[in-house]
């Protein structure tokens, strides 16, 4: 998978899963929409990322890492509540973010090898 495709997939998953968490909750909290805001930023940056803008690529990688790390707090919350759908939502966002990070890092390594 190309890094730009991984970025778009990550953005869509973040938006859909966090919207599902917000609108599907009995007591919706605006914090459930934080991943959606990151997803919107990823979609907004997808054009320059596709054109291999290095600064944008690094910004996306750092933001994806931030999202990945930040999702462990909600994961502990849904695990403590035994919220199966919440575990699925947060787990999907974690897995997609991790896969995207791996794809980005492999892309950076390949670009470095091609340059040398």
N, C-alpha and C. Protein backbone atom coordinates (compact mmCIF):
# COMPACT_ATOMS: atom_id res chain seq x y z
N UNK A 1 0.84 -1.18 0.00
CA UNK A 1 0.00 0.00 0.00
C UNK A 1 0.89 1.24 0.00
N UNK A 2 0.50 2.22 -0.77
CA UNK A 2 1.24 3.47 -0.82
C UNK A 2 0.98 4.29 0.43
N UNK A 3 1.95 5.10 0.83
CA UNK A 3 1.75 5.94 2.02
C UNK A 3 0.54 6.88 1.89
N UNK A 4 0.31 7.42 0.69
CA UNK A 4 -0.83 8.32 0.53
C UNK A 4 -2.15 7.58 0.69
N UNK A 5 -2.20 6.33 0.24
CA UNK A 5 -3.41 5.52 0.43
C UNK A 5 -3.60 5.18 1.91
N UNK A 6 -2.51 4.89 2.59
CA UNK A 6 -2.59 4.61 4.03
C UNK A 6 -3.08 5.83 4.79
N UNK A 7 -2.66 7.01 4.35
CA UNK A 7 -3.10 8.25 4.98
C UNK A 7 -4.60 8.44 4.82
N UNK A 8 -5.11 8.23 3.62
CA UNK A 8 -6.54 8.40 3.37
C UNK A 8 -7.34 7.35 4.14
N UNK A 9 -6.87 6.11 4.14
CA UNK A 9 -7.55 5.06 4.89
C UNK A 9 -7.59 5.39 6.38
N UNK A 10 -6.48 5.85 6.91
CA UNK A 10 -6.41 6.22 8.33
C UNK A 10 -7.39 7.35 8.62
N UNK A 11 -7.42 8.34 7.75
CA UNK A 11 -8.34 9.47 7.93
C UNK A 11 -9.78 9.01 7.96
N UNK A 12 -10.15 8.16 7.02
CA UNK A 12 -11.54 7.69 6.95
C UNK A 12 -11.90 6.88 8.18
N UNK A 13 -11.00 5.98 8.59
CA UNK A 13 -11.28 5.16 9.78
C UNK A 13 -11.41 6.03 11.02
N UNK A 14 -10.54 7.01 11.19
CA UNK A 14 -10.61 7.90 12.35
C UNK A 14 -11.93 8.68 12.36
N UNK A 15 -12.32 9.19 11.22
CA UNK A 15 -13.56 9.97 11.14
C UNK A 15 -14.77 9.09 11.42
N UNK A 16 -14.85 7.95 10.75
CA UNK A 16 -16.03 7.08 10.88
C UNK A 16 -16.13 6.51 12.30
N UNK A 17 -15.04 5.99 12.82
CA UNK A 17 -15.09 5.36 14.14
C UNK A 17 -15.37 6.36 15.25
N UNK A 18 -14.78 7.55 15.17
CA UNK A 18 -15.05 8.52 16.23
C UNK A 18 -16.46 9.10 16.11
N UNK A 19 -16.96 9.27 14.89
CA UNK A 19 -18.34 9.72 14.72
C UNK A 19 -19.30 8.66 15.25
N UNK A 20 -19.00 7.40 14.98
CA UNK A 20 -19.81 6.30 15.50
C UNK A 20 -19.81 6.32 17.03
N UNK A 21 -18.65 6.54 17.62
CA UNK A 21 -18.55 6.60 19.07
C UNK A 21 -19.32 7.77 19.64
N UNK A 22 -19.30 8.90 18.95
CA UNK A 22 -20.00 10.09 19.44
C UNK A 22 -21.51 9.93 19.30
N UNK A 23 -21.97 9.60 18.09
CA UNK A 23 -23.40 9.54 17.84
C UNK A 23 -24.04 8.26 18.37
N UNK A 24 -23.25 7.22 18.58
CA UNK A 24 -23.79 5.97 19.09
C UNK A 24 -23.79 5.87 20.60
N UNK A 25 -23.29 6.89 21.26
CA UNK A 25 -23.20 6.87 22.72
C UNK A 25 -24.47 7.41 23.35
N UNK A 26 -24.80 6.86 24.51
CA UNK A 26 -25.95 7.37 25.26
C UNK A 26 -25.67 8.75 25.82
N UNK A 27 -24.43 8.98 26.23
CA UNK A 27 -24.01 10.28 26.74
C UNK A 27 -22.82 10.75 25.91
N UNK A 28 -23.07 11.36 24.75
CA UNK A 28 -21.97 11.76 23.87
C UNK A 28 -21.07 12.82 24.50
N UNK A 29 -19.79 12.64 24.26
CA UNK A 29 -18.79 13.59 24.73
C UNK A 29 -18.01 14.10 23.53
N UNK A 30 -17.72 15.38 23.53
CA UNK A 30 -17.01 15.98 22.40
C UNK A 30 -15.61 15.38 22.26
N UNK A 31 -15.06 14.83 23.32
CA UNK A 31 -13.73 14.22 23.23
C UNK A 31 -13.72 13.01 22.31
N UNK A 32 -14.88 12.41 22.10
CA UNK A 32 -14.96 11.27 21.18
C UNK A 32 -14.69 11.71 19.74
N UNK A 33 -14.82 13.01 19.46
CA UNK A 33 -14.61 13.52 18.11
C UNK A 33 -13.17 13.95 17.83
N UNK A 34 -12.31 13.88 18.82
CA UNK A 34 -10.91 14.29 18.62
C UNK A 34 -10.26 13.50 17.49
N UNK A 35 -10.39 12.16 17.42
CA UNK A 35 -9.81 11.45 16.28
C UNK A 35 -10.38 11.91 14.94
N UNK A 36 -11.65 12.31 14.91
CA UNK A 36 -12.26 12.79 13.67
C UNK A 36 -11.57 14.07 13.20
N UNK A 37 -11.22 14.95 14.14
CA UNK A 37 -10.52 16.17 13.76
C UNK A 37 -9.15 15.85 13.16
N UNK A 38 -8.47 14.87 13.73
CA UNK A 38 -7.19 14.44 13.14
C UNK A 38 -7.43 13.86 11.75
N UNK A 39 -8.50 13.09 11.60
CA UNK A 39 -8.82 12.52 10.29
C UNK A 39 -9.07 13.60 9.25
N UNK A 40 -9.74 14.66 9.65
CA UNK A 40 -9.99 15.78 8.73
C UNK A 40 -8.67 16.45 8.34
N UNK A 41 -7.78 16.59 9.30
CA UNK A 41 -6.45 17.17 9.00
C UNK A 41 -5.70 16.26 8.03
N UNK A 42 -5.76 14.94 8.25
CA UNK A 42 -5.09 14.01 7.34
C UNK A 42 -5.66 14.12 5.93
N UNK A 43 -6.97 14.24 5.81
CA UNK A 43 -7.58 14.40 4.49
C UNK A 43 -7.14 15.71 3.85
N UNK A 44 -7.08 16.77 4.63
CA UNK A 44 -6.67 18.07 4.11
C UNK A 44 -5.22 18.05 3.62
N UNK A 45 -4.38 17.25 4.27
CA UNK A 45 -2.96 17.18 3.89
C UNK A 45 -2.67 16.10 2.85
N UNK A 46 -3.69 15.37 2.42
CA UNK A 46 -3.45 14.25 1.50
C UNK A 46 -2.95 14.70 0.14
N UNK A 47 -3.35 15.87 -0.32
CA UNK A 47 -2.87 16.36 -1.62
C UNK A 47 -1.37 16.59 -1.64
N UNK A 48 -0.86 17.44 -0.72
CA UNK A 48 0.59 17.63 -0.68
C UNK A 48 1.35 16.34 -0.34
N UNK A 49 0.73 15.48 0.47
CA UNK A 49 1.39 14.21 0.83
C UNK A 49 1.54 13.33 -0.40
N UNK A 50 0.52 13.31 -1.23
CA UNK A 50 0.56 12.51 -2.46
C UNK A 50 1.64 13.03 -3.41
N UNK A 51 1.90 14.34 -3.35
CA UNK A 51 2.93 14.96 -4.20
C UNK A 51 4.31 14.86 -3.57
N UNK A 52 4.43 14.06 -2.50
CA UNK A 52 5.68 13.77 -1.82
C UNK A 52 6.34 14.99 -1.19
N UNK A 53 5.53 15.86 -0.62
CA UNK A 53 6.03 16.99 0.15
C UNK A 53 6.61 16.44 1.45
N UNK A 54 7.91 16.63 1.64
CA UNK A 54 8.59 16.02 2.79
C UNK A 54 8.12 16.60 4.12
N UNK A 55 7.89 17.88 4.17
CA UNK A 55 7.45 18.50 5.42
C UNK A 55 6.08 17.96 5.81
N UNK A 56 5.17 17.89 4.84
CA UNK A 56 3.83 17.37 5.11
C UNK A 56 3.92 15.89 5.51
N UNK A 57 4.78 15.14 4.86
CA UNK A 57 4.94 13.73 5.20
C UNK A 57 5.38 13.57 6.66
N UNK A 58 6.31 14.39 7.08
CA UNK A 58 6.77 14.29 8.47
C UNK A 58 5.68 14.75 9.45
N UNK A 59 4.93 15.76 9.08
CA UNK A 59 3.83 16.20 9.93
C UNK A 59 2.80 15.08 10.09
N UNK A 60 2.46 14.42 8.99
CA UNK A 60 1.48 13.33 9.04
C UNK A 60 2.00 12.18 9.90
N UNK A 61 3.26 11.86 9.79
CA UNK A 61 3.82 10.77 10.59
C UNK A 61 3.77 11.12 12.07
N UNK A 62 4.15 12.33 12.41
CA UNK A 62 4.13 12.75 13.82
C UNK A 62 2.70 12.76 14.35
N UNK A 63 1.75 13.27 13.57
CA UNK A 63 0.36 13.29 14.01
C UNK A 63 -0.21 11.88 14.15
N UNK A 64 0.17 10.99 13.24
CA UNK A 64 -0.30 9.61 13.33
C UNK A 64 0.26 8.95 14.58
N UNK A 65 1.52 9.19 14.88
CA UNK A 65 2.11 8.66 16.10
C UNK A 65 1.41 9.23 17.33
N UNK A 66 1.10 10.51 17.30
CA UNK A 66 0.38 11.14 18.40
C UNK A 66 -1.00 10.51 18.59
N UNK A 67 -1.71 10.29 17.50
CA UNK A 67 -3.03 9.65 17.57
C UNK A 67 -2.89 8.24 18.14
N UNK A 68 -1.91 7.50 17.63
CA UNK A 68 -1.69 6.12 18.09
C UNK A 68 -1.46 6.06 19.59
N UNK A 69 -0.57 6.90 20.08
CA UNK A 69 -0.26 6.92 21.51
C UNK A 69 -1.47 7.39 22.32
N UNK A 70 -2.17 8.39 21.82
CA UNK A 70 -3.31 8.96 22.54
C UNK A 70 -4.49 8.00 22.65
N UNK A 71 -4.59 7.03 21.77
CA UNK A 71 -5.72 6.11 21.79
C UNK A 71 -5.63 5.06 22.89
N UNK A 72 -4.49 4.95 23.56
CA UNK A 72 -4.38 3.96 24.64
C UNK A 72 -5.20 4.35 25.86
N UNK A 73 -5.38 5.64 26.11
CA UNK A 73 -6.21 6.09 27.24
C UNK A 73 -7.68 5.69 27.02
N UNK A 74 -8.28 5.99 25.85
CA UNK A 74 -9.65 5.54 25.62
C UNK A 74 -9.76 4.02 25.62
N UNK A 75 -8.72 3.33 25.16
CA UNK A 75 -8.75 1.87 25.16
C UNK A 75 -8.86 1.34 26.58
N UNK A 76 -8.10 1.92 27.49
CA UNK A 76 -8.20 1.46 28.89
C UNK A 76 -9.58 1.75 29.46
N UNK A 77 -10.19 2.87 29.04
CA UNK A 77 -11.54 3.20 29.50
C UNK A 77 -12.59 2.22 29.02
N UNK A 78 -12.55 1.88 27.73
CA UNK A 78 -13.56 0.94 27.21
C UNK A 78 -13.31 -0.47 27.72
N UNK A 79 -12.05 -0.80 27.99
CA UNK A 79 -11.76 -2.12 28.56
C UNK A 79 -12.31 -2.22 29.98
N UNK A 80 -12.18 -1.14 30.75
CA UNK A 80 -12.68 -1.18 32.13
C UNK A 80 -14.20 -1.21 32.19
N UNK A 81 -14.86 -0.66 31.17
CA UNK A 81 -16.32 -0.68 31.12
C UNK A 81 -16.87 -1.92 30.42
N UNK A 82 -15.99 -2.75 29.89
CA UNK A 82 -16.40 -3.93 29.11
C UNK A 82 -17.32 -3.54 27.96
N UNK A 83 -17.01 -2.44 27.30
CA UNK A 83 -17.78 -1.93 26.17
C UNK A 83 -17.22 -2.55 24.89
N UNK A 84 -17.88 -3.61 24.43
CA UNK A 84 -17.38 -4.36 23.28
C UNK A 84 -17.30 -3.50 22.03
N UNK A 85 -18.34 -2.73 21.74
CA UNK A 85 -18.30 -1.87 20.55
C UNK A 85 -17.23 -0.80 20.68
N UNK A 86 -17.04 -0.28 21.88
CA UNK A 86 -15.98 0.70 22.11
C UNK A 86 -14.61 0.10 21.87
N UNK A 87 -14.43 -1.14 22.31
CA UNK A 87 -13.16 -1.83 22.09
C UNK A 87 -12.92 -2.01 20.60
N UNK A 88 -13.97 -2.36 19.86
CA UNK A 88 -13.85 -2.53 18.41
C UNK A 88 -13.48 -1.20 17.76
N UNK A 89 -14.16 -0.12 18.14
CA UNK A 89 -13.88 1.20 17.55
C UNK A 89 -12.46 1.66 17.83
N UNK A 90 -12.07 1.65 19.09
CA UNK A 90 -10.74 2.12 19.46
C UNK A 90 -9.68 1.17 18.90
N UNK A 91 -9.97 -0.13 18.95
CA UNK A 91 -9.03 -1.11 18.40
C UNK A 91 -8.80 -0.91 16.91
N UNK A 92 -9.88 -0.63 16.17
CA UNK A 92 -9.74 -0.39 14.73
C UNK A 92 -8.88 0.85 14.47
N UNK A 93 -9.10 1.91 15.24
CA UNK A 93 -8.29 3.12 15.06
C UNK A 93 -6.83 2.86 15.41
N UNK A 94 -6.59 2.08 16.47
CA UNK A 94 -5.21 1.74 16.85
C UNK A 94 -4.52 0.92 15.78
N UNK A 95 -5.21 -0.11 15.28
CA UNK A 95 -4.61 -1.00 14.29
C UNK A 95 -4.31 -0.25 12.99
N UNK A 96 -5.25 0.55 12.53
CA UNK A 96 -5.04 1.30 11.28
C UNK A 96 -3.92 2.31 11.45
N UNK A 97 -3.85 2.96 12.60
CA UNK A 97 -2.78 3.92 12.85
C UNK A 97 -1.42 3.23 12.88
N UNK A 98 -1.36 2.06 13.50
CA UNK A 98 -0.10 1.31 13.55
C UNK A 98 0.33 0.86 12.16
N UNK A 99 -0.61 0.35 11.38
CA UNK A 99 -0.30 -0.07 10.01
C UNK A 99 0.20 1.11 9.20
N UNK A 100 -0.46 2.26 9.34
CA UNK A 100 -0.02 3.45 8.62
C UNK A 100 1.39 3.86 9.03
N UNK A 101 1.69 3.80 10.32
CA UNK A 101 3.03 4.14 10.78
C UNK A 101 4.08 3.22 10.17
N UNK A 102 3.78 1.93 10.11
CA UNK A 102 4.72 0.97 9.51
C UNK A 102 4.93 1.30 8.04
N UNK A 103 3.86 1.60 7.33
CA UNK A 103 3.96 1.94 5.90
C UNK A 103 4.78 3.21 5.72
N UNK A 104 4.55 4.22 6.55
CA UNK A 104 5.30 5.47 6.45
C UNK A 104 6.78 5.24 6.70
N UNK A 105 7.10 4.47 7.72
CA UNK A 105 8.50 4.23 8.06
C UNK A 105 9.19 3.44 6.96
N UNK A 106 8.50 2.43 6.43
CA UNK A 106 9.08 1.67 5.32
C UNK A 106 9.32 2.57 4.11
N UNK A 107 8.41 3.49 3.88
CA UNK A 107 8.56 4.43 2.77
C UNK A 107 9.77 5.33 2.98
N UNK A 108 9.94 5.82 4.21
CA UNK A 108 11.10 6.67 4.51
C UNK A 108 12.40 5.89 4.32
N UNK A 109 12.42 4.65 4.76
CA UNK A 109 13.62 3.81 4.62
C UNK A 109 13.93 3.57 3.13
N UNK A 110 12.89 3.26 2.36
CA UNK A 110 13.07 3.04 0.92
C UNK A 110 13.57 4.29 0.22
N UNK A 111 13.06 5.43 0.60
CA UNK A 111 13.51 6.70 0.00
C UNK A 111 14.96 6.99 0.36
N UNK A 112 15.33 6.66 1.59
CA UNK A 112 16.71 6.89 2.02
C UNK A 112 17.66 5.96 1.25
N UNK A 113 17.27 4.70 1.06
CA UNK A 113 18.10 3.75 0.31
C UNK A 113 18.21 4.15 -1.15
N UNK A 114 17.13 4.65 -1.73
CA UNK A 114 17.14 5.05 -3.13
C UNK A 114 18.02 6.28 -3.34
N UNK A 115 18.10 7.11 -2.32
CA UNK A 115 18.90 8.33 -2.39
C UNK A 115 20.40 8.01 -2.31
N UNK A 116 20.74 6.97 -1.58
CA UNK A 116 22.15 6.64 -1.35
C UNK A 116 22.79 5.92 -2.52
